[in-house]
């Protein structure tokens, strides 16, 4: 369903919704499960409630946490050239330069591709588990969800995967490259993170946090 822009001067603030892309303001219309509320100006999906979406997001988040931890431990790539070989994990590669000013770059790299995605998934679980179980929101759930959304642009697992793909094309001509278990785990992880973002209706989460069910 597309939202219209009727006069809203006298509408209560909690009955208004603003498009995060083009700032168009609408009187809130709650779509049914399976329907979507779409901005008529820029076609941004504003509300997209789905049945059992919470359980799907929790399941995906748990899977991502397991994959992130495992991908940080198991070998990511092994390279062989001139009779010598070497295998590294994601954390080994990120923390290769740990002396002098390069230490800051190494910590930022590890944070963006490993710790930030892990923190986002843990915050998502912290916020959603009580809501899915029809319990009051966890303490500080609103700041936790706000932090999770603020970290979204800094979660660069997809950028890392793209960078690896470009680098492997060049390295493959110089050495023999073998993919380790973490490579496939990381590929699955990227797909799951994108799926989670597709499942989540942020308006529904905010609405559940700000208007908790009374027991």
N, C-alpha and C. Protein backbone atom coordinates (compact mmCIF):
# COMPACT_ATOMS: atom_id res chain seq x y z
N UNK A 1 0.84 -1.18 0.00
CA UNK A 1 0.00 0.00 0.00
C UNK A 1 0.88 1.24 0.00
N UNK A 2 0.51 2.25 -0.77
CA UNK A 2 1.26 3.50 -0.81
C UNK A 2 0.61 4.49 0.13
N UNK A 3 1.44 5.21 0.87
CA UNK A 3 0.93 6.19 1.80
C UNK A 3 0.63 7.50 1.08
N UNK A 4 -0.43 8.14 1.49
CA UNK A 4 -0.78 9.44 0.94
C UNK A 4 -0.34 10.52 1.92
N UNK A 5 -0.36 11.76 1.47
CA UNK A 5 0.06 12.86 2.31
C UNK A 5 -1.13 13.79 2.58
N UNK A 6 -2.07 13.36 3.46
CA UNK A 6 -3.20 14.23 3.77
C UNK A 6 -2.77 15.33 4.73
N UNK A 7 -3.63 16.32 4.99
CA UNK A 7 -3.27 17.34 5.97
C UNK A 7 -3.02 16.69 7.34
N UNK A 8 -1.95 17.05 7.99
CA UNK A 8 -1.62 16.43 9.25
C UNK A 8 -1.26 17.46 10.33
N UNK A 9 -1.68 18.68 10.13
CA UNK A 9 -1.32 19.73 11.09
C UNK A 9 -1.82 19.41 12.48
N UNK A 10 -3.01 18.82 12.60
CA UNK A 10 -3.60 18.57 13.90
C UNK A 10 -3.42 17.12 14.36
N UNK A 11 -2.68 16.32 13.61
CA UNK A 11 -2.50 14.92 13.98
C UNK A 11 -1.49 14.80 15.12
N UNK A 12 -1.72 13.89 16.07
CA UNK A 12 -0.74 13.67 17.14
C UNK A 12 0.58 13.20 16.56
N UNK A 13 1.66 13.53 17.26
CA UNK A 13 2.98 13.16 16.76
C UNK A 13 3.15 11.65 16.66
N UNK A 14 2.53 10.90 17.59
CA UNK A 14 2.69 9.45 17.53
C UNK A 14 1.87 8.81 16.43
N UNK A 15 1.10 9.61 15.68
CA UNK A 15 0.36 9.10 14.55
C UNK A 15 0.97 9.56 13.23
N UNK A 16 2.19 10.08 13.26
CA UNK A 16 2.88 10.51 12.06
C UNK A 16 4.09 9.61 11.82
N UNK A 17 4.45 9.45 10.57
CA UNK A 17 5.64 8.70 10.20
C UNK A 17 6.37 9.48 9.11
N UNK A 18 7.69 9.57 9.24
CA UNK A 18 8.51 10.36 8.33
C UNK A 18 9.42 9.42 7.55
N UNK A 19 9.47 9.61 6.25
CA UNK A 19 10.36 8.81 5.41
C UNK A 19 11.81 9.16 5.72
N UNK A 20 12.67 8.19 6.04
CA UNK A 20 14.07 8.50 6.37
C UNK A 20 14.90 8.92 5.16
N UNK A 21 14.38 8.75 3.95
CA UNK A 21 15.14 9.07 2.74
C UNK A 21 14.81 10.48 2.24
N UNK A 22 13.52 10.77 2.07
CA UNK A 22 13.14 12.06 1.47
C UNK A 22 12.42 12.99 2.44
N UNK A 23 12.21 12.56 3.70
CA UNK A 23 11.58 13.38 4.75
C UNK A 23 10.11 13.66 4.49
N UNK A 24 9.48 12.93 3.60
CA UNK A 24 8.03 13.08 3.42
C UNK A 24 7.33 12.60 4.69
N UNK A 25 6.28 13.32 5.11
CA UNK A 25 5.56 13.02 6.35
C UNK A 25 4.17 12.51 6.02
N UNK A 26 3.75 11.46 6.72
CA UNK A 26 2.46 10.83 6.47
C UNK A 26 1.74 10.57 7.78
N UNK A 27 0.42 10.53 7.70
CA UNK A 27 -0.38 10.03 8.81
C UNK A 27 -0.25 8.51 8.81
N UNK A 28 0.06 7.95 9.95
CA UNK A 28 0.37 6.54 10.06
C UNK A 28 -0.81 5.66 9.67
N UNK A 29 -0.55 4.72 8.77
CA UNK A 29 -1.52 3.68 8.41
C UNK A 29 -0.84 2.34 8.58
N UNK A 30 -1.36 1.53 9.49
CA UNK A 30 -0.72 0.25 9.78
C UNK A 30 -1.17 -0.81 8.78
N UNK A 31 -0.27 -1.31 7.96
CA UNK A 31 -0.64 -2.35 6.99
C UNK A 31 -0.81 -3.69 7.69
N UNK A 32 -1.56 -4.58 7.06
CA UNK A 32 -1.72 -5.93 7.59
C UNK A 32 -0.45 -6.73 7.34
N UNK A 33 -0.35 -7.90 8.00
CA UNK A 33 0.81 -8.76 7.78
C UNK A 33 0.90 -9.15 6.30
N UNK A 34 2.08 -9.03 5.75
CA UNK A 34 2.28 -9.35 4.34
C UNK A 34 2.15 -8.15 3.44
N UNK A 35 1.56 -7.04 3.94
CA UNK A 35 1.47 -5.81 3.17
C UNK A 35 2.64 -4.89 3.54
N UNK A 36 2.83 -3.85 2.73
CA UNK A 36 3.90 -2.90 2.98
C UNK A 36 3.38 -1.48 2.81
N UNK A 37 3.85 -0.58 3.66
CA UNK A 37 3.57 0.85 3.50
C UNK A 37 4.76 1.48 2.82
N UNK A 38 4.52 2.09 1.66
CA UNK A 38 5.61 2.59 0.81
C UNK A 38 5.46 4.09 0.62
N UNK A 39 6.56 4.80 0.69
CA UNK A 39 6.56 6.24 0.44
C UNK A 39 6.23 6.50 -1.03
N UNK A 40 5.25 7.36 -1.26
CA UNK A 40 4.84 7.64 -2.64
C UNK A 40 5.85 8.54 -3.36
N UNK A 41 6.71 9.21 -2.61
CA UNK A 41 7.66 10.13 -3.25
C UNK A 41 8.92 9.42 -3.72
N UNK A 42 9.52 8.58 -2.85
CA UNK A 42 10.79 7.93 -3.21
C UNK A 42 10.68 6.42 -3.22
N UNK A 43 9.51 5.89 -2.86
CA UNK A 43 9.23 4.45 -2.89
C UNK A 43 10.04 3.65 -1.86
N UNK A 44 10.49 4.32 -0.80
CA UNK A 44 11.14 3.64 0.31
C UNK A 44 10.09 2.85 1.10
N UNK A 45 10.39 1.60 1.43
CA UNK A 45 9.48 0.80 2.25
C UNK A 45 9.60 1.28 3.69
N UNK A 46 8.47 1.78 4.25
CA UNK A 46 8.48 2.34 5.60
C UNK A 46 8.05 1.32 6.64
N UNK A 47 7.06 0.51 6.31
CA UNK A 47 6.55 -0.50 7.24
C UNK A 47 6.32 -1.78 6.45
N UNK A 48 6.84 -2.88 6.96
CA UNK A 48 6.65 -4.17 6.27
C UNK A 48 6.55 -5.29 7.31
N UNK A 49 5.42 -5.35 8.04
CA UNK A 49 5.29 -6.40 9.06
C UNK A 49 5.13 -7.78 8.43
N UNK A 50 5.76 -8.77 9.05
CA UNK A 50 5.66 -10.16 8.59
C UNK A 50 5.38 -11.05 9.79
N UNK A 51 4.61 -12.09 9.56
CA UNK A 51 4.34 -13.05 10.62
C UNK A 51 5.60 -13.83 10.95
N UNK A 52 5.86 -14.00 12.23
CA UNK A 52 7.01 -14.77 12.74
C UNK A 52 8.33 -14.20 12.27
N UNK A 53 8.34 -12.93 11.88
CA UNK A 53 9.60 -12.32 11.44
C UNK A 53 10.60 -12.25 12.59
N UNK A 54 10.09 -12.04 13.81
CA UNK A 54 10.98 -11.96 14.97
C UNK A 54 11.76 -13.24 15.18
N UNK A 55 11.10 -14.39 15.07
CA UNK A 55 11.79 -15.67 15.24
C UNK A 55 12.79 -15.89 14.13
N UNK A 56 12.45 -15.48 12.91
CA UNK A 56 13.39 -15.63 11.79
C UNK A 56 14.64 -14.78 12.02
N UNK A 57 14.45 -13.55 12.51
CA UNK A 57 15.60 -12.67 12.75
C UNK A 57 16.46 -13.22 13.86
N UNK A 58 15.84 -13.75 14.92
CA UNK A 58 16.60 -14.32 16.03
C UNK A 58 17.41 -15.53 15.55
N UNK A 59 16.78 -16.38 14.76
CA UNK A 59 17.49 -17.56 14.24
C UNK A 59 18.68 -17.14 13.37
N UNK A 60 18.47 -16.15 12.51
CA UNK A 60 19.55 -15.68 11.65
C UNK A 60 20.66 -15.05 12.49
N UNK A 61 20.28 -14.27 13.51
CA UNK A 61 21.28 -13.61 14.36
C UNK A 61 22.14 -14.63 15.09
N UNK A 62 21.53 -15.68 15.62
CA UNK A 62 22.30 -16.73 16.31
C UNK A 62 23.26 -17.40 15.34
N UNK A 63 22.76 -17.69 14.13
CA UNK A 63 23.63 -18.31 13.12
C UNK A 63 24.80 -17.40 12.77
N UNK A 64 24.55 -16.10 12.66
CA UNK A 64 25.61 -15.16 12.31
C UNK A 64 26.65 -15.08 13.42
N UNK A 65 26.19 -15.06 14.68
CA UNK A 65 27.14 -15.02 15.81
C UNK A 65 28.06 -16.24 15.77
N UNK A 66 27.48 -17.42 15.55
CA UNK A 66 28.29 -18.64 15.48
C UNK A 66 29.28 -18.58 14.32
N UNK A 67 28.82 -18.11 13.17
CA UNK A 67 29.69 -18.04 12.00
C UNK A 67 30.80 -17.01 12.17
N UNK A 68 30.49 -15.88 12.81
CA UNK A 68 31.52 -14.85 13.01
C UNK A 68 32.63 -15.39 13.90
N UNK A 69 32.24 -16.03 15.02
CA UNK A 69 33.24 -16.57 15.93
C UNK A 69 34.08 -17.65 15.25
N UNK A 70 33.40 -18.55 14.52
CA UNK A 70 34.12 -19.64 13.85
C UNK A 70 35.00 -19.10 12.74
N UNK A 71 34.51 -18.11 11.98
CA UNK A 71 35.30 -17.55 10.88
C UNK A 71 36.53 -16.82 11.38
N UNK A 72 36.48 -16.33 12.62
CA UNK A 72 37.65 -15.66 13.17
C UNK A 72 38.72 -16.61 13.66
N UNK A 73 38.36 -17.89 13.83
CA UNK A 73 39.30 -18.88 14.38
C UNK A 73 39.88 -19.77 13.28
N UNK A 74 39.03 -20.26 12.38
CA UNK A 74 39.48 -21.19 11.35
C UNK A 74 40.25 -20.46 10.25
N UNK A 75 41.08 -21.18 9.51
CA UNK A 75 41.83 -20.56 8.40
C UNK A 75 40.89 -20.00 7.34
N UNK A 76 41.23 -18.82 6.86
CA UNK A 76 40.44 -18.17 5.81
C UNK A 76 40.99 -18.51 4.43
N UNK A 77 42.28 -18.41 4.27
CA UNK A 77 42.95 -18.73 3.00
C UNK A 77 44.29 -19.38 3.28
N UNK A 78 44.72 -20.21 2.36
CA UNK A 78 46.10 -20.70 2.38
C UNK A 78 46.69 -20.43 1.00
N UNK A 79 47.90 -19.92 1.00
CA UNK A 79 48.57 -19.54 -0.24
C UNK A 79 49.88 -20.31 -0.36
N UNK A 80 50.09 -20.90 -1.52
CA UNK A 80 51.32 -21.65 -1.77
C UNK A 80 52.04 -21.06 -2.98
N UNK A 81 53.34 -20.84 -2.82
CA UNK A 81 54.15 -20.31 -3.92
C UNK A 81 55.62 -20.65 -3.64
N UNK A 82 56.32 -21.09 -4.68
CA UNK A 82 57.76 -21.40 -4.60
C UNK A 82 58.06 -22.40 -3.49
N UNK A 83 57.18 -23.37 -3.33
CA UNK A 83 57.41 -24.41 -2.34
C UNK A 83 57.08 -24.02 -0.92
N UNK A 84 56.60 -22.82 -0.70
CA UNK A 84 56.23 -22.37 0.65
C UNK A 84 54.73 -22.10 0.70
N UNK A 85 54.15 -22.35 1.86
CA UNK A 85 52.71 -22.12 2.03
C UNK A 85 52.44 -21.45 3.35
N UNK A 86 51.31 -20.77 3.42
CA UNK A 86 50.93 -20.07 4.65
C UNK A 86 49.41 -19.99 4.70
N UNK A 87 48.86 -20.20 5.90
CA UNK A 87 47.42 -20.12 6.10
C UNK A 87 47.14 -19.08 7.17
N UNK A 88 46.12 -18.25 6.96
CA UNK A 88 45.78 -17.19 7.90
C UNK A 88 44.28 -17.17 8.14
N UNK A 89 43.90 -16.73 9.32
CA UNK A 89 42.50 -16.49 9.64
C UNK A 89 42.19 -15.02 9.39
N UNK A 90 40.92 -14.66 9.52
CA UNK A 90 40.53 -13.26 9.31
C UNK A 90 41.21 -12.36 10.33
N UNK A 91 41.21 -12.77 11.59
CA UNK A 91 41.84 -11.94 12.62
C UNK A 91 43.34 -11.86 12.42
N UNK A 92 43.97 -12.95 11.96
CA UNK A 92 45.41 -12.90 11.67
C UNK A 92 45.70 -11.85 10.61
N UNK A 93 44.88 -11.84 9.56
CA UNK A 93 45.09 -10.88 8.47
C UNK A 93 44.85 -9.45 8.94
N UNK A 94 43.80 -9.26 9.75
CA UNK A 94 43.48 -7.90 10.21
C UNK A 94 44.52 -7.35 11.17
N UNK A 95 45.12 -8.24 11.96
CA UNK A 95 46.06 -7.80 13.00
C UNK A 95 47.51 -8.06 12.62
N UNK A 96 47.78 -8.16 11.32
CA UNK A 96 49.15 -8.39 10.86
C UNK A 96 50.07 -7.25 11.28
N UNK A 97 49.60 -6.02 11.12
CA UNK A 97 50.42 -4.85 11.45
C UNK A 97 50.02 -4.35 12.84
N UNK A 98 50.79 -4.69 13.83
CA UNK A 98 50.44 -4.35 15.22
C UNK A 98 51.52 -3.51 15.89
N UNK A 99 52.35 -2.84 15.12
CA UNK A 99 53.38 -2.00 15.67
C UNK A 99 53.27 -0.58 15.12
N UNK A 100 53.54 0.39 15.99
CA UNK A 100 53.54 1.78 15.56
C UNK A 100 52.15 2.26 15.18
N UNK A 101 52.07 3.23 14.28
CA UNK A 101 50.77 3.79 13.88
C UNK A 101 49.89 2.80 13.13
N UNK A 102 50.47 1.73 12.58
CA UNK A 102 49.66 0.74 11.87
C UNK A 102 48.77 -0.05 12.82
N UNK A 103 49.06 0.00 14.13
CA UNK A 103 48.23 -0.71 15.10
C UNK A 103 46.80 -0.18 15.07
N UNK A 104 46.66 1.14 14.94
CA UNK A 104 45.32 1.73 14.90
C UNK A 104 44.56 1.22 13.69
N UNK A 105 45.22 1.17 12.54
CA UNK A 105 44.58 0.67 11.32
C UNK A 105 44.19 -0.80 11.48
N UNK A 106 45.08 -1.59 12.12
CA UNK A 106 44.79 -3.00 12.32
C UNK A 106 43.57 -3.19 13.22
N UNK A 107 43.47 -2.41 14.29
CA UNK A 107 42.33 -2.53 15.21
C UNK A 107 41.04 -2.09 14.53
N UNK A 108 41.11 -1.03 13.73
CA UNK A 108 39.91 -0.57 13.02
C UNK A 108 39.45 -1.62 12.01
N UNK A 109 40.39 -2.22 11.31
CA UNK A 109 40.03 -3.25 10.34
C UNK A 109 39.36 -4.43 11.02
N UNK A 110 39.94 -4.90 12.12
CA UNK A 110 39.34 -6.01 12.86
C UNK A 110 37.97 -5.63 13.39
N UNK A 111 37.82 -4.39 13.84
CA UNK A 111 36.53 -3.95 14.36
C UNK A 111 35.45 -3.92 13.30
N UNK A 112 35.77 -3.35 12.13
CA UNK A 112 34.77 -3.18 11.08
C UNK A 112 34.32 -4.52 10.48
N UNK A 113 35.23 -5.48 10.37
CA UNK A 113 34.86 -6.72 9.68
C UNK A 113 34.52 -7.85 10.65
N UNK A 114 34.79 -7.65 11.94
CA UNK A 114 34.57 -8.75 12.89
C UNK A 114 33.74 -8.31 14.10
N UNK A 115 34.25 -7.35 14.86
CA UNK A 115 33.62 -7.03 16.14
C UNK A 115 32.33 -6.22 15.98
N UNK A 116 32.27 -5.31 15.02
CA UNK A 116 31.04 -4.54 14.84
C UNK A 116 29.88 -5.43 14.39
N UNK A 117 30.04 -6.30 13.36
CA UNK A 117 28.93 -7.21 13.02
C UNK A 117 28.53 -8.10 14.19
N UNK A 118 29.52 -8.57 14.98
CA UNK A 118 29.21 -9.41 16.13
C UNK A 118 28.40 -8.62 17.16
N UNK A 119 28.80 -7.40 17.45
CA UNK A 119 28.08 -6.57 18.41
C UNK A 119 26.66 -6.29 17.94
N UNK A 120 26.47 -6.02 16.65
CA UNK A 120 25.14 -5.76 16.12
C UNK A 120 24.22 -6.96 16.32
N UNK A 121 24.73 -8.16 16.07
CA UNK A 121 23.91 -9.35 16.24
C UNK A 121 23.55 -9.58 17.71
N UNK A 122 24.50 -9.35 18.60
CA UNK A 122 24.23 -9.53 20.03
C UNK A 122 23.20 -8.51 20.52
N UNK A 123 23.31 -7.27 20.05
CA UNK A 123 22.32 -6.26 20.42
C UNK A 123 20.94 -6.61 19.88
N UNK A 124 20.89 -7.13 18.66
CA UNK A 124 19.61 -7.55 18.09
C UNK A 124 18.96 -8.64 18.92
N UNK A 125 19.75 -9.62 19.34
CA UNK A 125 19.21 -10.68 20.19
C UNK A 125 18.73 -10.12 21.53
N UNK A 126 19.48 -9.21 22.10
CA UNK A 126 19.12 -8.61 23.38
C UNK A 126 17.78 -7.89 23.29
N UNK A 127 17.54 -7.23 22.17
CA UNK A 127 16.31 -6.46 22.00
C UNK A 127 15.12 -7.35 21.65
N UNK A 128 15.31 -8.30 20.73
CA UNK A 128 14.19 -9.02 20.16
C UNK A 128 13.72 -10.21 20.98
N UNK A 129 14.61 -10.89 21.68
CA UNK A 129 14.21 -12.11 22.40
C UNK A 129 13.05 -11.84 23.37
N UNK A 130 13.12 -10.82 24.23
CA UNK A 130 11.96 -10.57 25.11
C UNK A 130 10.69 -10.21 24.35
N UNK A 131 10.81 -9.46 23.26
CA UNK A 131 9.62 -9.06 22.50
C UNK A 131 8.95 -10.26 21.86
N UNK A 132 9.73 -11.16 21.29
CA UNK A 132 9.16 -12.35 20.66
C UNK A 132 8.49 -13.25 21.68
N UNK A 133 9.00 -13.25 22.91
CA UNK A 133 8.42 -14.07 23.97
C UNK A 133 7.28 -13.36 24.68
N UNK A 134 6.81 -12.22 24.11
CA UNK A 134 5.70 -11.44 24.66
C UNK A 134 5.99 -10.98 26.08
N UNK A 135 7.22 -10.58 26.32
CA UNK A 135 7.60 -10.05 27.61
C UNK A 135 7.94 -8.57 27.46
N UNK A 136 8.00 -7.83 28.57
CA UNK A 136 8.39 -6.42 28.47
C UNK A 136 9.79 -6.29 27.90
N UNK A 137 10.07 -5.18 27.24
CA UNK A 137 11.42 -4.98 26.68
C UNK A 137 12.50 -5.08 27.75
N UNK A 138 13.65 -5.56 27.35
CA UNK A 138 14.78 -5.64 28.27
C UNK A 138 15.21 -4.24 28.69
N UNK A 139 15.92 -4.16 29.80
CA UNK A 139 16.38 -2.87 30.29
C UNK A 139 17.32 -2.24 29.27
N UNK A 140 17.11 -0.97 29.01
CA UNK A 140 17.91 -0.21 28.04
C UNK A 140 17.80 -0.78 26.62
N UNK A 141 16.67 -1.42 26.30
CA UNK A 141 16.49 -2.00 24.97
C UNK A 141 16.45 -0.91 23.89
N UNK A 142 15.85 0.23 24.19
CA UNK A 142 15.77 1.30 23.19
C UNK A 142 17.15 1.84 22.83
N UNK A 143 18.00 2.19 23.82
CA UNK A 143 19.36 2.61 23.44
C UNK A 143 20.14 1.50 22.73
N UNK A 144 19.90 0.24 23.12
CA UNK A 144 20.61 -0.87 22.48
C UNK A 144 20.23 -0.98 21.01
N UNK A 145 18.92 -0.85 20.70
CA UNK A 145 18.49 -0.94 19.31
C UNK A 145 18.96 0.28 18.52
N UNK A 146 18.97 1.44 19.18
CA UNK A 146 19.47 2.64 18.51
C UNK A 146 20.95 2.49 18.17
N UNK A 147 21.73 1.91 19.09
CA UNK A 147 23.14 1.68 18.82
C UNK A 147 23.34 0.67 17.69
N UNK A 148 22.52 -0.37 17.68
CA UNK A 148 22.61 -1.37 16.62
C UNK A 148 22.38 -0.74 15.25
N UNK A 149 21.40 0.15 15.16
CA UNK A 149 21.12 0.81 13.89
C UNK A 149 22.23 1.81 13.53
N UNK A 150 22.80 2.47 14.54
CA UNK A 150 23.88 3.42 14.27
C UNK A 150 25.13 2.72 13.77
N UNK A 151 25.32 1.46 14.18
CA UNK A 151 26.50 0.70 13.76
C UNK A 151 26.34 0.08 12.38
N UNK A 152 25.14 0.11 11.83
CA UNK A 152 24.89 -0.55 10.55
C UNK A 152 25.86 -0.09 9.45
N UNK A 153 26.09 1.22 9.25
CA UNK A 153 27.02 1.62 8.18
C UNK A 153 28.46 1.20 8.43
N UNK A 154 28.80 0.89 9.70
CA UNK A 154 30.18 0.55 10.04
C UNK A 154 30.41 -0.95 10.04
N UNK A 155 29.36 -1.71 9.77
CA UNK A 155 29.51 -3.16 9.66
C UNK A 155 29.88 -3.50 8.23
N UNK A 156 31.14 -3.78 7.99
CA UNK A 156 31.66 -3.85 6.62
C UNK A 156 32.04 -5.25 6.19
N UNK A 157 31.27 -6.23 6.62
CA UNK A 157 31.54 -7.60 6.20
C UNK A 157 31.42 -7.74 4.69
N UNK A 158 30.40 -7.10 4.11
CA UNK A 158 30.20 -7.19 2.67
C UNK A 158 31.35 -6.55 1.91
N UNK A 159 31.84 -5.40 2.41
CA UNK A 159 32.96 -4.72 1.76
C UNK A 159 34.21 -5.59 1.80
N UNK A 160 34.42 -6.25 2.94
CA UNK A 160 35.57 -7.13 3.07
C UNK A 160 35.49 -8.29 2.07
N UNK A 161 34.28 -8.87 1.93
CA UNK A 161 34.11 -9.98 0.98
C UNK A 161 34.40 -9.53 -0.45
N UNK A 162 33.92 -8.32 -0.80
CA UNK A 162 34.17 -7.80 -2.15
C UNK A 162 35.65 -7.54 -2.36
N UNK A 163 36.32 -6.97 -1.35
CA UNK A 163 37.75 -6.72 -1.46
C UNK A 163 38.55 -8.00 -1.61
N UNK A 164 38.14 -9.06 -0.89
CA UNK A 164 38.83 -10.35 -1.03
C UNK A 164 38.66 -10.91 -2.44
N UNK A 165 37.46 -10.77 -2.98
CA UNK A 165 37.21 -11.29 -4.33
C UNK A 165 38.11 -10.60 -5.35
N UNK A 166 38.26 -9.28 -5.23
CA UNK A 166 39.11 -8.54 -6.16
C UNK A 166 40.58 -8.93 -5.99
N UNK A 167 41.01 -9.07 -4.73
CA UNK A 167 42.40 -9.42 -4.46
C UNK A 167 42.73 -10.83 -4.96
N UNK A 168 41.78 -11.76 -4.79
CA UNK A 168 42.05 -13.14 -5.19
C UNK A 168 42.23 -13.27 -6.69
N UNK A 169 41.53 -12.44 -7.46
CA UNK A 169 41.68 -12.49 -8.91
C UNK A 169 43.12 -12.16 -9.30
N UNK A 170 43.75 -11.21 -8.59
CA UNK A 170 45.11 -10.81 -8.90
C UNK A 170 46.13 -11.80 -8.35
N UNK A 171 45.87 -12.33 -7.13
CA UNK A 171 46.82 -13.23 -6.49
C UNK A 171 46.85 -14.59 -7.17
N UNK A 172 45.72 -15.00 -7.74
CA UNK A 172 45.62 -16.34 -8.33
C UNK A 172 46.64 -16.56 -9.44
N UNK A 173 47.07 -15.50 -10.11
CA UNK A 173 48.07 -15.64 -11.18
C UNK A 173 49.49 -15.79 -10.64
N UNK A 174 49.68 -15.47 -9.35
CA UNK A 174 51.02 -15.48 -8.78
C UNK A 174 51.27 -16.66 -7.85
N UNK A 175 50.20 -17.23 -7.31
CA UNK A 175 50.35 -18.31 -6.33
C UNK A 175 49.12 -19.20 -6.36
N UNK A 176 49.25 -20.35 -5.71
CA UNK A 176 48.12 -21.27 -5.59
C UNK A 176 47.32 -20.91 -4.34
N UNK A 177 46.05 -20.60 -4.53
CA UNK A 177 45.19 -20.16 -3.42
C UNK A 177 44.17 -21.24 -3.11
N UNK A 178 44.09 -21.62 -1.85
CA UNK A 178 43.10 -22.59 -1.39
C UNK A 178 42.20 -21.93 -0.35
N UNK A 179 40.90 -22.14 -0.51
CA UNK A 179 39.95 -21.54 0.43
C UNK A 179 39.83 -22.41 1.68
N UNK A 180 39.94 -21.77 2.84
CA UNK A 180 39.77 -22.46 4.11
C UNK A 180 38.31 -22.48 4.54
N UNK A 181 38.00 -23.17 5.65
CA UNK A 181 36.61 -23.22 6.13
C UNK A 181 36.03 -21.84 6.41
N UNK A 182 36.86 -20.93 6.92
CA UNK A 182 36.35 -19.60 7.26
C UNK A 182 35.90 -18.82 6.03
N UNK A 183 36.48 -19.11 4.87
CA UNK A 183 36.07 -18.42 3.65
C UNK A 183 34.60 -18.71 3.35
N UNK A 184 34.22 -19.98 3.41
CA UNK A 184 32.84 -20.35 3.13
C UNK A 184 31.91 -19.89 4.24
N UNK A 185 32.39 -19.94 5.48
CA UNK A 185 31.59 -19.43 6.59
C UNK A 185 31.31 -17.94 6.40
N UNK A 186 32.33 -17.22 5.96
CA UNK A 186 32.16 -15.77 5.78
C UNK A 186 31.22 -15.47 4.64
N UNK A 187 31.27 -16.28 3.58
CA UNK A 187 30.34 -16.08 2.48
C UNK A 187 28.89 -16.28 2.92
N UNK A 188 28.65 -17.35 3.70
CA UNK A 188 27.30 -17.59 4.23
C UNK A 188 26.89 -16.47 5.17
N UNK A 189 27.84 -16.01 5.98
CA UNK A 189 27.58 -14.93 6.93
C UNK A 189 27.08 -13.68 6.23
N UNK A 190 27.73 -13.31 5.13
CA UNK A 190 27.32 -12.11 4.40
C UNK A 190 25.90 -12.24 3.89
N UNK A 191 25.55 -13.42 3.37
CA UNK A 191 24.18 -13.65 2.87
C UNK A 191 23.17 -13.55 4.01
N UNK A 192 23.52 -14.11 5.16
CA UNK A 192 22.59 -14.09 6.31
C UNK A 192 22.39 -12.67 6.84
N UNK A 193 23.46 -11.88 6.86
CA UNK A 193 23.32 -10.49 7.32
C UNK A 193 22.39 -9.72 6.39
N UNK A 194 22.52 -9.93 5.10
CA UNK A 194 21.62 -9.27 4.15
C UNK A 194 20.19 -9.77 4.31
N UNK A 195 20.02 -11.06 4.59
CA UNK A 195 18.68 -11.61 4.81
C UNK A 195 18.06 -11.03 6.05
N UNK A 196 18.85 -10.87 7.11
CA UNK A 196 18.32 -10.30 8.35
C UNK A 196 17.82 -8.88 8.14
N UNK A 197 18.59 -8.09 7.40
CA UNK A 197 18.17 -6.72 7.11
C UNK A 197 16.87 -6.72 6.31
N UNK A 198 16.68 -7.74 5.46
CA UNK A 198 15.44 -7.82 4.69
C UNK A 198 14.25 -8.25 5.53
N UNK A 199 14.47 -9.11 6.53
CA UNK A 199 13.39 -9.57 7.39
C UNK A 199 12.90 -8.49 8.34
N UNK A 200 13.81 -7.63 8.78
CA UNK A 200 13.49 -6.72 9.87
C UNK A 200 12.66 -5.52 9.42
N UNK A 201 11.57 -5.29 10.11
CA UNK A 201 10.78 -4.07 9.95
C UNK A 201 11.11 -3.18 11.14
N UNK A 202 11.90 -2.16 10.93
CA UNK A 202 12.37 -1.34 12.04
C UNK A 202 11.22 -0.61 12.72
N UNK A 203 10.21 -0.21 11.95
CA UNK A 203 9.08 0.47 12.58
C UNK A 203 8.38 -0.47 13.56
N UNK A 204 8.22 -1.74 13.21
CA UNK A 204 7.56 -2.69 14.10
C UNK A 204 8.35 -2.86 15.39
N UNK A 205 9.68 -2.89 15.28
CA UNK A 205 10.51 -3.04 16.48
C UNK A 205 10.38 -1.80 17.36
N UNK A 206 10.48 -0.62 16.76
CA UNK A 206 10.35 0.61 17.56
C UNK A 206 8.97 0.68 18.20
N UNK A 207 7.93 0.29 17.47
CA UNK A 207 6.58 0.35 18.01
C UNK A 207 6.44 -0.59 19.20
N UNK A 208 7.04 -1.79 19.10
CA UNK A 208 6.97 -2.75 20.21
C UNK A 208 7.76 -2.27 21.42
N UNK A 209 8.87 -1.56 21.18
CA UNK A 209 9.67 -1.05 22.30
C UNK A 209 9.00 0.12 23.00
N UNK A 210 8.38 1.00 22.22
CA UNK A 210 7.78 2.20 22.79
C UNK A 210 6.37 1.94 23.31
N UNK A 211 5.71 0.92 22.81
CA UNK A 211 4.35 0.58 23.27
C UNK A 211 4.31 -0.89 23.66
N UNK A 212 5.00 -1.26 24.75
CA UNK A 212 5.05 -2.68 25.13
C UNK A 212 3.69 -3.21 25.52
N UNK A 213 3.52 -4.51 25.29
CA UNK A 213 2.27 -5.16 25.65
C UNK A 213 2.14 -5.23 27.17
N UNK A 214 0.95 -4.98 27.65
CA UNK A 214 0.71 -5.08 29.09
C UNK A 214 0.30 -6.49 29.46
N UNK A 215 0.88 -6.99 30.53
CA UNK A 215 0.59 -8.35 30.95
C UNK A 215 -0.33 -8.35 32.14
